[in-house]
Amino acid sequence: MSDMTFNDRSTPLTLLATRRSGKPRDLIAPGPDADQLTEILRIAGRTPDHGKLAPWRFVVVAPETRGALAQVITTAYRSERPQAGATEIAALEQFAHQAPSLVVVLSSPRPDSHIPLWEQELSAGAACMNLLHAAHAMGFAGGWLTGWPAFSDAVRDAFGQAPERIAGFLFLGTPSRPLDERPRPDLDRIVSHWTGPSV
């Protein structure tokens, strides 16, 4: 499978085996159009979800509101770190303007449910992964970023409220250059076979 390319989507297995992340700063137009993005989000919602809670939400950030997002992020950062320099602020502004399409995924747990919080959070992560697979299947690349903005309550409050948390900023677009393959873990290191409890 090592010779598979990003563009090989000929079978479900090659689709899964060839998905890799694109750096959001390297993703260019075109991104998904409105209908494609709707379908990507529909597929993202088809994720394991114990209790049928849908403990996640998708917030689409349109291109014309990226400036407002940059303002939210930089204002929150300056409030927390008044000594921030111009380079830090410029990096945060650039963060908000990457790639043609952006979906903010929120983990939206239901504290009143008997379903453990951990399972609800895992479901939000699975929704993010489904979103990336769907984008790849449509010929786009995606990058799932967190960073400082994902852990800022002030940034989160622009999209939701506690106990919600930002699971990730999902940037989507077309790769401007071939995607780098990253080292993958050796199966011998991550797979074991249980033989029962030690006697």
C-alpha atoms as a PDB file:
ATOM      1  CA  MET A   1       0.000   0.000   0.000  1.00  0.00           C
ATOM      2  CA  SER A   2       2.990   2.307   0.223  1.00  0.00           C
ATOM      3  CA  ASP A   3       2.621   3.415  -3.418  1.00  0.00           C
ATOM      4  CA  MET A   4      -0.960   4.646  -3.019  1.00  0.00           C
ATOM      5  CA  THR A   5      -1.460   8.305  -3.772  1.00  0.00           C
ATOM      6  CA  PHE A   6      -3.830  10.838  -2.295  1.00  0.00           C
ATOM      7  CA  ASN A   7      -5.879  10.715  -5.501  1.00  0.00           C
ATOM      8  CA  ASP A   8      -6.529   6.965  -5.355  1.00  0.00           C
ATOM      9  CA  ARG A   9     -10.150   6.563  -4.253  1.00  0.00           C
ATOM     10  CA  SER A  10     -10.891   3.514  -6.385  1.00  0.00           C
ATOM     11  CA  THR A  11     -12.157   1.305  -3.561  1.00  0.00           C
ATOM     12  CA  PRO A  12     -13.356   1.956  -0.019  1.00  0.00           C
ATOM     13  CA  LEU A  13     -10.120   0.526   1.379  1.00  0.00           C
ATOM     14  CA  THR A  14      -7.849   2.628  -0.803  1.00  0.00           C
ATOM     15  CA  LEU A  15      -9.958   5.645   0.110  1.00  0.00           C
ATOM     16  CA  LEU A  16      -9.325   4.991   3.796  1.00  0.00           C
ATOM     17  CA  ALA A  17      -5.682   4.056   3.284  1.00  0.00           C
ATOM     18  CA  THR A  18      -4.839   7.177   1.298  1.00  0.00           C
ATOM     19  CA  ARG A  19      -6.474   9.850   3.450  1.00  0.00           C
ATOM     20  CA  ARG A  20      -3.959  12.139   4.991  1.00  0.00           C
ATOM     21  CA  SER A  21      -4.094  15.584   6.476  1.00  0.00           C
ATOM     22  CA  GLY A  22      -3.355  18.698   4.503  1.00  0.00           C
ATOM     23  CA  LYS A  23      -1.747  21.658   6.201  1.00  0.00           C
ATOM     24  CA  PRO A  24      -4.492  24.277   6.302  1.00  0.00           C
ATOM     25  CA  ARG A  25      -2.104  26.995   5.159  1.00  0.00           C
ATOM     26  CA  ASP A  26      -1.470  24.957   1.976  1.00  0.00           C
ATOM     27  CA  LEU A  27      -5.150  24.382   1.122  1.00  0.00           C
ATOM     28  CA  ILE A  28      -6.483  26.567  -1.675  1.00  0.00           C
ATOM     29  CA  ALA A  29      -9.693  26.995  -3.657  1.00  0.00           C
ATOM     30  CA  PRO A  30     -11.812  25.327  -4.602  1.00  0.00           C
ATOM     31  CA  GLY A  31     -13.237  24.147  -1.347  1.00  0.00           C
ATOM     32  CA  PRO A  32     -16.524  22.289  -1.018  1.00  0.00           C
ATOM     33  CA  ASP A  33     -19.494  24.178  -2.399  1.00  0.00           C
ATOM     34  CA  ALA A  34     -22.655  24.529  -0.295  1.00  0.00           C
ATOM     35  CA  ASP A  35     -24.165  21.233  -1.429  1.00  0.00           C
ATOM     36  CA  GLN A  36     -20.908  19.340  -0.999  1.00  0.00           C
ATOM     37  CA  LEU A  37     -20.385  20.776   2.468  1.00  0.00           C
ATOM     38  CA  THR A  38     -23.928  19.807   3.458  1.00  0.00           C
ATOM     39  CA  GLU A  39     -23.233  16.235   2.352  1.00  0.00           C
ATOM     40  CA  ILE A  40     -19.874  16.203   4.190  1.00  0.00           C
ATOM     41  CA  LEU A  41     -21.631  17.271   7.389  1.00  0.00           C
ATOM     42  CA  ARG A  42     -24.405  14.716   6.888  1.00  0.00           C
ATOM     43  CA  ILE A  43     -21.765  11.984   6.633  1.00  0.00           C
ATOM     44  CA  ALA A  44     -19.862  13.394   9.603  1.00  0.00           C
ATOM     45  CA  GLY A  45     -22.998  12.909  11.686  1.00  0.00           C
ATOM     46  CA  ARG A  46     -23.088   9.181  10.856  1.00  0.00           C
ATOM     47  CA  THR A  47     -20.795   8.355  13.724  1.00  0.00           C
ATOM     48  CA  PRO A  48     -20.927   6.003  16.719  1.00  0.00           C
ATOM     49  CA  ASP A  49     -23.162   7.712  19.252  1.00  0.00           C
ATOM     50  CA  HIS A  50     -24.141   5.738  22.351  1.00  0.00           C
ATOM     51  CA  GLY A  51     -27.605   6.870  23.434  1.00  0.00           C
ATOM     52  CA  LYS A  52     -28.316   8.718  20.176  1.00  0.00           C
ATOM     53  CA  LEU A  53     -27.405  12.002  21.848  1.00  0.00           C
ATOM     54  CA  ALA A  54     -25.568  13.697  18.948  1.00  0.00           C
ATOM     55  CA  PRO A  55     -23.155  15.193  21.503  1.00  0.00           C
ATOM     56  CA  TRP A  56     -21.483  17.421  18.909  1.00  0.00           C
ATOM     57  CA  ARG A  57     -22.340  20.351  16.680  1.00  0.00           C
ATOM     58  CA  PHE A  58     -20.919  21.735  13.447  1.00  0.00           C
ATOM     59  CA  VAL A  59     -20.546  25.487  12.955  1.00  0.00           C
ATOM     60  CA  VAL A  60     -19.715  26.603   9.415  1.00  0.00           C
ATOM     61  CA  VAL A  61     -17.586  29.743   9.299  1.00  0.00           C
ATOM     62  CA  ALA A  62     -18.236  31.422   5.946  1.00  0.00           C
ATOM     63  CA  PRO A  63     -15.411  33.206   4.097  1.00  0.00           C
ATOM     64  CA  GLU A  64     -16.971  36.608   4.742  1.00  0.00           C
ATOM     65  CA  THR A  65     -16.873  36.020   8.512  1.00  0.00           C
ATOM     66  CA  ARG A  66     -13.231  34.962   8.749  1.00  0.00           C
ATOM     67  CA  GLY A  67     -12.234  38.523   9.643  1.00  0.00           C
ATOM     68  CA  ALA A  68     -14.681  38.467  12.550  1.00  0.00           C
ATOM     69  CA  LEU A  69     -13.218  35.138  13.689  1.00  0.00           C
ATOM     70  CA  ALA A  70      -9.717  36.611  13.564  1.00  0.00           C
ATOM     71  CA  GLN A  71     -10.958  39.500  15.704  1.00  0.00           C
ATOM     72  CA  VAL A  72     -12.497  37.141  18.266  1.00  0.00           C
ATOM     73  CA  ILE A  73      -9.305  35.096  18.505  1.00  0.00           C
ATOM     74  CA  THR A  74      -6.865  38.004  18.698  1.00  0.00           C
ATOM     75  CA  THR A  75      -8.996  39.921  21.201  1.00  0.00           C
ATOM     76  CA  ALA A  76      -9.222  36.855  23.444  1.00  0.00           C
ATOM     77  CA  TYR A  77      -5.487  36.261  23.145  1.00  0.00           C
ATOM     78  CA  ARG A  78      -4.595  39.859  23.994  1.00  0.00           C
ATOM     79  CA  SER A  79      -6.933  39.715  26.988  1.00  0.00           C
ATOM     80  CA  GLU A  80      -5.182  36.629  28.308  1.00  0.00           C
ATOM     81  CA  ARG A  81      -1.684  37.661  27.255  1.00  0.00           C
ATOM     82  CA  PRO A  82      -1.408  41.470  27.175  1.00  0.00           C
ATOM     83  CA  GLN A  83       2.304  41.225  26.432  1.00  0.00           C
ATOM     84  CA  ALA A  84       1.682  39.421  23.126  1.00  0.00           C
ATOM     85  CA  GLY A  85       3.860  40.619  20.287  1.00  0.00           C
ATOM     86  CA  ALA A  86       2.976  41.437  16.709  1.00  0.00           C
ATOM     87  CA  THR A  87       4.298  38.098  15.438  1.00  0.00           C
ATOM     88  CA  GLU A  88       1.986  36.129  17.738  1.00  0.00           C
ATOM     89  CA  ILE A  89      -1.024  38.205  16.731  1.00  0.00           C
ATOM     90  CA  ALA A  90      -0.222  37.880  13.037  1.00  0.00           C
ATOM     91  CA  ALA A  91      -0.022  34.087  13.396  1.00  0.00           C
ATOM     92  CA  LEU A  92      -3.455  34.007  15.026  1.00  0.00           C
ATOM     93  CA  GLU A  93      -4.921  36.202  12.289  1.00  0.00           C
ATOM     94  CA  GLN A  94      -3.437  33.855   9.695  1.00  0.00           C
ATOM     95  CA  PHE A  95      -4.919  30.886  11.571  1.00  0.00           C
ATOM     96  CA  ALA A  96      -8.427  32.269  11.061  1.00  0.00           C
ATOM     97  CA  HIS A  97      -7.966  32.858   7.324  1.00  0.00           C
ATOM     98  CA  GLN A  98      -6.567  29.486   6.246  1.00  0.00           C
ATOM     99  CA  ALA A  99      -8.164  27.298   3.553  1.00  0.00           C
ATOM    100  CA  PRO A 100     -11.367  28.073   1.653  1.00  0.00           C
ATOM    101  CA  SER A 101     -13.736  26.248   4.024  1.00  0.00           C
ATOM    102  CA  LEU A 102     -13.860  26.027   7.792  1.00  0.00           C
ATOM    103  CA  VAL A 103     -16.072  24.020  10.122  1.00  0.00           C
ATOM    104  CA  VAL A 104     -15.735  24.426  13.873  1.00  0.00           C
ATOM    105  CA  VAL A 105     -16.702  21.175  15.576  1.00  0.00           C
ATOM    106  CA  LEU A 106     -18.030  21.493  19.100  1.00  0.00           C
ATOM    107  CA  SER A 107     -18.180  18.723  21.635  1.00  0.00           C
ATOM    108  CA  SER A 108     -21.639  19.282  23.094  1.00  0.00           C
ATOM    109  CA  PRO A 109     -22.041  16.778  25.923  1.00  0.00           C
ATOM    110  CA  ARG A 110     -25.323  16.082  27.645  1.00  0.00           C
ATOM    111  CA  PRO A 111     -24.503  16.127  31.378  1.00  0.00           C
ATOM    112  CA  ASP A 112     -28.053  14.987  32.192  1.00  0.00           C
ATOM    113  CA  SER A 113     -27.552  11.731  30.285  1.00  0.00           C
ATOM    114  CA  HIS A 114     -26.506   8.429  31.831  1.00  0.00           C
ATOM    115  CA  ILE A 115     -24.035   8.018  28.940  1.00  0.00           C
ATOM    116  CA  PRO A 116     -20.522   8.604  30.302  1.00  0.00           C
ATOM    117  CA  LEU A 117     -18.962  11.930  29.334  1.00  0.00           C
ATOM    118  CA  TRP A 118     -15.912  10.124  27.956  1.00  0.00           C
ATOM    119  CA  GLU A 119     -18.084   8.244  25.451  1.00  0.00           C
ATOM    120  CA  GLN A 120     -19.750  11.467  24.365  1.00  0.00           C
ATOM    121  CA  GLU A 121     -16.371  13.107  23.810  1.00  0.00           C
ATOM    122  CA  LEU A 122     -15.131  10.112  21.840  1.00  0.00           C
ATOM    123  CA  SER A 123     -18.184  10.459  19.611  1.00  0.00           C
ATOM    124  CA  ALA A 124     -17.266  14.085  18.876  1.00  0.00           C
ATOM    125  CA  GLY A 125     -13.800  12.963  17.836  1.00  0.00           C
ATOM    126  CA  ALA A 126     -15.305  10.293  15.598  1.00  0.00           C
ATOM    127  CA  ALA A 127     -17.494  12.951  13.964  1.00  0.00           C
ATOM    128  CA  CYS A 128     -14.371  14.966  13.148  1.00  0.00           C
ATOM    129  CA  MET A 129     -12.755  11.916  11.580  1.00  0.00           C
ATOM    130  CA  ASN A 130     -15.867  11.141   9.530  1.00  0.00           C
ATOM    131  CA  LEU A 131     -15.849  14.721   8.293  1.00  0.00           C
ATOM    132  CA  LEU A 132     -12.259  14.374   7.089  1.00  0.00           C
ATOM    133  CA  HIS A 133     -12.990  11.052   5.374  1.00  0.00           C
ATOM    134  CA  ALA A 134     -16.019  12.534   3.606  1.00  0.00           C
ATOM    135  CA  ALA A 135     -13.988  15.523   2.402  1.00  0.00           C
ATOM    136  CA  HIS A 136     -11.290  13.178   1.089  1.00  0.00           C
ATOM    137  CA  ALA A 137     -13.890  11.066  -0.710  1.00  0.00           C
ATOM    138  CA  MET A 138     -15.044  14.213  -2.528  1.00  0.00           C
ATOM    139  CA  GLY A 139     -11.526  15.058  -3.656  1.00  0.00           C
ATOM    140  CA  PHE A 140     -10.651  17.634  -1.018  1.00  0.00           C
ATOM    141  CA  ALA A 141      -8.109  17.608   1.772  1.00  0.00           C
ATOM    142  CA  GLY A 142      -8.673  18.611   5.361  1.00  0.00           C
ATOM    143  CA  GLY A 143      -6.646  19.688   8.346  1.00  0.00           C
ATOM    144  CA  TRP A 144      -7.888  19.278  11.918  1.00  0.00           C
ATOM    145  CA  LEU A 145      -6.334  21.946  14.136  1.00  0.00           C
ATOM    146  CA  THR A 146      -6.731  22.872  17.768  1.00  0.00           C
ATOM    147  CA  GLY A 147      -4.001  25.096  19.193  1.00  0.00           C
ATOM    148  CA  TRP A 148      -4.572  27.936  21.604  1.00  0.00           C
ATOM    149  CA  PRO A 149      -7.948  29.024  20.124  1.00  0.00           C
ATOM    150  CA  ALA A 150      -9.523  25.628  20.803  1.00  0.00           C
ATOM    151  CA  PHE A 151      -8.789  25.885  24.519  1.00  0.00           C
ATOM    152  CA  SER A 152      -9.871  29.486  25.018  1.00  0.00           C
ATOM    153  CA  ASP A 153     -13.209  29.891  26.783  1.00  0.00           C
ATOM    154  CA  ALA A 154     -13.608  33.301  25.145  1.00  0.00           C
ATOM    155  CA  VAL A 155     -13.221  31.809  21.661  1.00  0.00           C
ATOM    156  CA  ARG A 156     -15.528  28.929  22.576  1.00  0.00           C
ATOM    157  CA  ASP A 157     -18.133  31.433  23.769  1.00  0.00           C
ATOM    158  CA  ALA A 158     -18.298  32.859  20.236  1.00  0.00           C
ATOM    159  CA  PHE A 159     -19.679  29.482  19.101  1.00  0.00           C
ATOM    160  CA  GLY A 160     -21.389  27.978  22.143  1.00  0.00           C
ATOM    161  CA  GLN A 161     -21.275  27.781  25.901  1.00  0.00           C
ATOM    162  CA  ALA A 162     -20.015  25.511  28.671  1.00  0.00           C
ATOM    163  CA  PRO A 163     -19.964  22.562  28.963  1.00  0.00           C
ATOM    164  CA  GLU A 164     -19.321  22.687  25.219  1.00  0.00           C
ATOM    165  CA  ARG A 165     -15.736  22.648  24.070  1.00  0.00           C
ATOM    166  CA  ILE A 166     -14.095  23.156  20.699  1.00  0.00           C
ATOM    167  CA  ALA A 167     -13.109  19.719  19.414  1.00  0.00           C
ATOM    168  CA  GLY A 168     -11.330  21.217  16.450  1.00  0.00           C
ATOM    169  CA  PHE A 169     -11.144  23.671  13.606  1.00  0.00           C
ATOM    170  CA  LEU A 170     -11.620  21.599  10.438  1.00  0.00           C
ATOM    171  CA  PHE A 171     -10.118  23.388   7.438  1.00  0.00           C
ATOM    172  CA  LEU A 172     -11.034  22.066   3.968  1.00  0.00           C
ATOM    173  CA  GLY A 173      -9.781  22.812   0.500  1.00  0.00           C
ATOM    174  CA  THR A 174      -7.679  21.635  -2.422  1.00  0.00           C
ATOM    175  CA  PRO A 175      -4.003  20.814  -1.834  1.00  0.00           C
ATOM    176  CA  SER A 176      -1.687  23.347  -3.443  1.00  0.00           C
ATOM    177  CA  ARG A 177       1.115  20.768  -3.486  1.00  0.00           C
ATOM    178  CA  PRO A 178       1.442  17.019  -3.012  1.00  0.00           C
ATOM    179  CA  LEU A 179       0.508  16.003   0.509  1.00  0.00           C
ATOM    180  CA  ASP A 180       3.313  14.681   2.680  1.00  0.00           C
ATOM    181  CA  GLU A 181       2.969  11.152   3.978  1.00  0.00           C
ATOM    182  CA  ARG A 182       3.728  11.039   7.680  1.00  0.00           C
ATOM    183  CA  PRO A 183       5.360   8.138   9.487  1.00  0.00           C
ATOM    184  CA  ARG A 184       2.746   5.660  10.655  1.00  0.00           C
ATOM    185  CA  PRO A 185       3.137   3.526  13.779  1.00  0.00           C
ATOM    186  CA  ASP A 186       4.539   0.045  13.361  1.00  0.00           C
ATOM    187  CA  LEU A 187       1.778  -2.480  13.984  1.00  0.00           C
ATOM    188  CA  ASP A 188       4.077  -4.501  16.234  1.00  0.00           C
ATOM    189  CA  ARG A 189       4.176  -1.514  18.567  1.00  0.00           C
ATOM    190  CA  ILE A 190       0.448  -0.751  18.695  1.00  0.00           C
ATOM    191  CA  VAL A 191      -1.171  -4.194  18.311  1.00  0.00           C
ATOM    192  CA  SER A 192      -1.105  -6.989  20.846  1.00  0.00           C
ATOM    193  CA  HIS A 193      -3.105 -10.177  21.291  1.00  0.00           C
ATOM    194  CA  TRP A 194      -4.700 -10.831  24.643  1.00  0.00           C
ATOM    195  CA  THR A 195      -4.134 -14.306  26.012  1.00  0.00           C
ATOM    196  CA  GLY A 196      -6.175 -14.035  29.188  1.00  0.00           C
ATOM    197  CA  PRO A 197      -5.244 -13.003  32.717  1.00  0.00           C
ATOM    198  CA  SER A 198      -1.913 -14.064  34.125  1.00  0.00           C
ATOM    199  CA  VAL A 199      -2.224 -16.966  36.524  1.00  0.00           C
END
